[in-house]
Amino acid sequence: MHAISLRNIEPQLEKALKKKALSDKTSVNKVIIESLRKELLPSGKERRYDDLSALAGTWSDEDLEEFKSATADLNAIDKDLWK
């Protein structure tokens, strides 16, 4: 990763960055990177996620019924196999 230096930061902006970092319990550097990412990469394509939270709650009722229908036979017990 590369480093970029920022110069001539207005005192109000510096204060706002520090306040945001303090409230988020993170570094000013991370606040700046996240702000730039949101502004310049709004699609989030470059962002790496560490969890599956983006998938939670995304199925519609129709998707759920399709899944249940496609997997229904997986719940069947073959009694001959258990003898």
N, C-alpha and C. Protein backbone atom coordinates (compact mmCIF):
# COMPACT_ATOMS: atom_id res chain seq x y z
N MET A 1 0.84 -1.18 0.00
CA MET A 1 0.00 0.00 0.00
C MET A 1 0.88 1.23 0.00
N HIS A 2 0.35 2.26 -0.60
CA HIS A 2 1.10 3.50 -0.71
C HIS A 2 0.65 4.49 0.36
N ALA A 3 1.52 5.43 0.65
CA ALA A 3 1.20 6.48 1.61
C ALA A 3 0.99 7.78 0.85
N ILE A 4 0.03 8.56 1.31
CA ILE A 4 -0.25 9.87 0.73
C ILE A 4 -0.25 10.88 1.87
N SER A 5 0.43 11.97 1.67
CA SER A 5 0.45 13.03 2.68
C SER A 5 -0.58 14.09 2.34
N LEU A 6 -1.27 14.56 3.35
CA LEU A 6 -2.23 15.64 3.17
C LEU A 6 -1.66 16.90 3.81
N ARG A 7 -1.70 17.98 3.03
CA ARG A 7 -1.18 19.25 3.55
C ARG A 7 -2.29 20.30 3.50
N ASN A 8 -2.10 21.34 4.29
CA ASN A 8 -3.02 22.49 4.31
C ASN A 8 -4.44 22.10 4.72
N ILE A 9 -4.54 21.23 5.70
CA ILE A 9 -5.85 20.85 6.22
C ILE A 9 -6.36 21.97 7.11
N GLU A 10 -7.55 22.42 6.82
CA GLU A 10 -8.16 23.50 7.60
C GLU A 10 -8.34 23.05 9.04
N PRO A 11 -8.17 23.95 9.99
CA PRO A 11 -8.35 23.59 11.40
C PRO A 11 -9.72 22.98 11.71
N GLN A 12 -10.77 23.49 11.06
CA GLN A 12 -12.11 22.95 11.29
C GLN A 12 -12.20 21.50 10.81
N LEU A 13 -11.59 21.22 9.67
CA LEU A 13 -11.60 19.87 9.14
C LEU A 13 -10.80 18.93 10.03
N GLU A 14 -9.65 19.39 10.48
CA GLU A 14 -8.82 18.58 11.38
C GLU A 14 -9.60 18.25 12.66
N LYS A 15 -10.27 19.23 13.18
CA LYS A 15 -11.05 19.03 14.40
C LYS A 15 -12.18 18.03 14.16
N ALA A 16 -12.84 18.14 13.02
CA ALA A 16 -13.94 17.22 12.69
C ALA A 16 -13.42 15.80 12.51
N LEU A 17 -12.27 15.65 11.88
CA LEU A 17 -11.67 14.33 11.68
C LEU A 17 -11.32 13.69 13.02
N LYS A 18 -10.72 14.46 13.90
CA LYS A 18 -10.33 13.93 15.21
C LYS A 18 -11.56 13.57 16.03
N LYS A 19 -12.61 14.39 15.94
CA LYS A 19 -13.84 14.13 16.67
C LYS A 19 -14.49 12.83 16.18
N LYS A 20 -14.53 12.66 14.86
CA LYS A 20 -15.11 11.44 14.27
C LYS A 20 -14.29 10.21 14.67
N ALA A 21 -12.96 10.33 14.62
CA ALA A 21 -12.09 9.21 15.00
C ALA A 21 -12.31 8.84 16.47
N LEU A 22 -12.44 9.82 17.31
CA LEU A 22 -12.66 9.58 18.73
C LEU A 22 -14.01 8.90 18.97
N SER A 23 -15.04 9.39 18.30
CA SER A 23 -16.37 8.80 18.50
C SER A 23 -16.45 7.39 17.93
N ASP A 24 -15.70 7.11 16.85
CA ASP A 24 -15.70 5.77 16.26
C ASP A 24 -14.65 4.85 16.89
N LYS A 25 -13.87 5.41 17.81
CA LYS A 25 -12.79 4.66 18.46
C LYS A 25 -11.83 4.06 17.42
N THR A 26 -11.40 4.91 16.51
CA THR A 26 -10.49 4.50 15.46
C THR A 26 -9.49 5.62 15.20
N SER A 27 -8.65 5.43 14.21
CA SER A 27 -7.63 6.44 13.91
C SER A 27 -8.16 7.46 12.90
N VAL A 28 -7.52 8.62 12.89
CA VAL A 28 -7.85 9.63 11.90
C VAL A 28 -7.58 9.08 10.51
N ASN A 29 -6.52 8.32 10.37
CA ASN A 29 -6.18 7.72 9.08
C ASN A 29 -7.33 6.86 8.56
N LYS A 30 -7.90 6.03 9.42
CA LYS A 30 -9.01 5.17 9.00
C LYS A 30 -10.25 5.98 8.66
N VAL A 31 -10.48 7.05 9.38
CA VAL A 31 -11.63 7.93 9.08
C VAL A 31 -11.46 8.54 7.70
N ILE A 32 -10.26 8.99 7.40
CA ILE A 32 -10.00 9.59 6.08
C ILE A 32 -10.16 8.56 4.98
N ILE A 33 -9.59 7.37 5.16
CA ILE A 33 -9.69 6.33 4.14
C ILE A 33 -11.14 5.94 3.91
N GLU A 34 -11.90 5.76 4.96
CA GLU A 34 -13.30 5.39 4.82
C GLU A 34 -14.10 6.50 4.13
N SER A 35 -13.82 7.74 4.47
CA SER A 35 -14.51 8.87 3.84
C SER A 35 -14.20 8.93 2.35
N LEU A 36 -12.93 8.74 2.00
CA LEU A 36 -12.54 8.73 0.59
C LEU A 36 -13.18 7.56 -0.15
N ARG A 37 -13.20 6.41 0.50
CA ARG A 37 -13.80 5.22 -0.12
C ARG A 37 -15.27 5.46 -0.42
N LYS A 38 -15.99 6.00 0.54
CA LYS A 38 -17.43 6.25 0.34
C LYS A 38 -17.67 7.26 -0.77
N GLU A 39 -16.81 8.26 -0.85
CA GLU A 39 -16.98 9.32 -1.85
C GLU A 39 -16.55 8.87 -3.23
N LEU A 40 -15.43 8.17 -3.31
CA LEU A 40 -14.84 7.86 -4.61
C LEU A 40 -15.18 6.47 -5.14
N LEU A 41 -15.56 5.56 -4.25
CA LEU A 41 -15.91 4.20 -4.66
C LEU A 41 -17.30 3.85 -4.13
N PRO A 42 -18.32 4.61 -4.53
CA PRO A 42 -19.64 4.39 -3.96
C PRO A 42 -20.21 3.01 -4.23
N SER A 43 -19.73 2.35 -5.27
CA SER A 43 -20.24 1.01 -5.54
C SER A 43 -19.72 0.00 -4.54
N GLY A 44 -18.62 0.33 -3.87
CA GLY A 44 -18.04 -0.56 -2.87
C GLY A 44 -17.32 -1.75 -3.48
N LYS A 45 -17.10 -1.74 -4.80
CA LYS A 45 -16.48 -2.89 -5.45
C LYS A 45 -15.08 -3.18 -4.92
N GLU A 46 -14.38 -2.16 -4.51
CA GLU A 46 -13.02 -2.36 -4.02
C GLU A 46 -12.98 -2.71 -2.53
N ARG A 47 -14.11 -2.59 -1.88
CA ARG A 47 -14.14 -2.84 -0.45
C ARG A 47 -14.17 -4.34 -0.17
N ARG A 48 -13.41 -4.78 0.79
CA ARG A 48 -13.37 -6.18 1.17
C ARG A 48 -14.16 -6.38 2.46
N TYR A 49 -15.09 -7.31 2.42
CA TYR A 49 -15.90 -7.60 3.60
C TYR A 49 -15.39 -8.86 4.28
N ASP A 50 -15.47 -8.88 5.59
CA ASP A 50 -14.98 -10.01 6.37
C ASP A 50 -16.10 -10.90 6.90
N ASP A 51 -17.34 -10.57 6.55
CA ASP A 51 -18.44 -11.36 7.07
C ASP A 51 -19.52 -11.50 6.00
N LEU A 52 -20.60 -12.11 6.36
CA LEU A 52 -21.69 -12.34 5.42
C LEU A 52 -22.89 -11.45 5.70
N SER A 53 -22.70 -10.35 6.41
CA SER A 53 -23.83 -9.50 6.80
C SER A 53 -24.57 -8.92 5.59
N ALA A 54 -23.87 -8.75 4.46
CA ALA A 54 -24.53 -8.22 3.26
C ALA A 54 -25.56 -9.21 2.71
N LEU A 55 -25.43 -10.48 3.07
CA LEU A 55 -26.37 -11.49 2.58
C LEU A 55 -27.56 -11.70 3.51
N ALA A 56 -27.43 -11.31 4.75
CA ALA A 56 -28.48 -11.57 5.73
C ALA A 56 -29.76 -10.84 5.38
N GLY A 57 -30.83 -11.59 5.37
CA GLY A 57 -32.15 -11.00 5.13
C GLY A 57 -32.41 -10.60 3.69
N THR A 58 -31.67 -11.16 2.74
CA THR A 58 -31.84 -10.74 1.35
C THR A 58 -32.78 -11.64 0.56
N TRP A 59 -33.19 -12.76 1.12
CA TRP A 59 -34.10 -13.65 0.40
C TRP A 59 -35.52 -13.12 0.49
N SER A 60 -36.21 -13.19 -0.62
CA SER A 60 -37.63 -12.86 -0.60
C SER A 60 -38.40 -14.11 -0.19
N ASP A 61 -39.69 -13.97 0.04
CA ASP A 61 -40.52 -15.14 0.37
C ASP A 61 -40.51 -16.14 -0.78
N GLU A 62 -40.48 -15.61 -1.99
CA GLU A 62 -40.43 -16.48 -3.18
C GLU A 62 -39.12 -17.27 -3.21
N ASP A 63 -38.00 -16.61 -2.89
CA ASP A 63 -36.70 -17.29 -2.84
C ASP A 63 -36.72 -18.41 -1.79
N LEU A 64 -37.29 -18.12 -0.65
CA LEU A 64 -37.36 -19.10 0.43
C LEU A 64 -38.17 -20.32 0.01
N GLU A 65 -39.31 -20.09 -0.60
CA GLU A 65 -40.15 -21.21 -1.03
C GLU A 65 -39.45 -22.03 -2.11
N GLU A 66 -38.73 -21.36 -3.01
CA GLU A 66 -37.99 -22.07 -4.05
C GLU A 66 -36.90 -22.95 -3.42
N PHE A 67 -36.22 -22.42 -2.41
CA PHE A 67 -35.18 -23.18 -1.72
C PHE A 67 -35.78 -24.39 -1.00
N LYS A 68 -36.86 -24.15 -0.29
CA LYS A 68 -37.51 -25.25 0.43
C LYS A 68 -37.97 -26.34 -0.52
N SER A 69 -38.52 -25.94 -1.66
CA SER A 69 -38.98 -26.89 -2.66
C SER A 69 -37.81 -27.69 -3.23
N ALA A 70 -36.71 -27.02 -3.52
CA ALA A 70 -35.55 -27.68 -4.12
C ALA A 70 -34.84 -28.62 -3.15
N THR A 71 -34.98 -28.37 -1.85
CA THR A 71 -34.25 -29.18 -0.86
C THR A 71 -35.17 -30.09 -0.05
N ALA A 72 -36.44 -30.14 -0.37
CA ALA A 72 -37.39 -30.93 0.41
C ALA A 72 -37.01 -32.41 0.47
N ASP A 73 -36.52 -32.96 -0.63
CA ASP A 73 -36.18 -34.39 -0.64
C ASP A 73 -34.97 -34.70 0.23
N LEU A 74 -34.21 -33.70 0.63
CA LEU A 74 -33.06 -33.94 1.50
C LEU A 74 -33.47 -34.29 2.93
N ASN A 75 -34.70 -33.98 3.27
CA ASN A 75 -35.21 -34.28 4.62
C ASN A 75 -35.85 -35.66 4.71
N ALA A 76 -36.04 -36.30 3.58
CA ALA A 76 -36.65 -37.63 3.57
C ALA A 76 -35.67 -38.67 4.11
N ILE A 77 -36.20 -39.59 4.90
CA ILE A 77 -35.38 -40.66 5.49
C ILE A 77 -35.63 -41.94 4.71
N ASP A 78 -34.57 -42.51 4.21
CA ASP A 78 -34.65 -43.79 3.50
C ASP A 78 -34.56 -44.89 4.56
N LYS A 79 -35.70 -45.48 4.88
CA LYS A 79 -35.76 -46.47 5.96
C LYS A 79 -34.91 -47.72 5.65
N ASP A 80 -34.75 -48.05 4.38
CA ASP A 80 -33.93 -49.22 4.02
C ASP A 80 -32.46 -49.00 4.39
N LEU A 81 -32.01 -47.75 4.37
CA LEU A 81 -30.61 -47.46 4.73
C LEU A 81 -30.38 -47.61 6.23
N TRP A 82 -31.42 -47.53 7.02
CA TRP A 82 -31.28 -47.55 8.48
C TRP A 82 -31.63 -48.90 9.09
N LYS A 83 -31.72 -49.93 8.29
CA LYS A 83 -32.03 -51.27 8.83
C LYS A 83 -30.78 -51.95 9.28
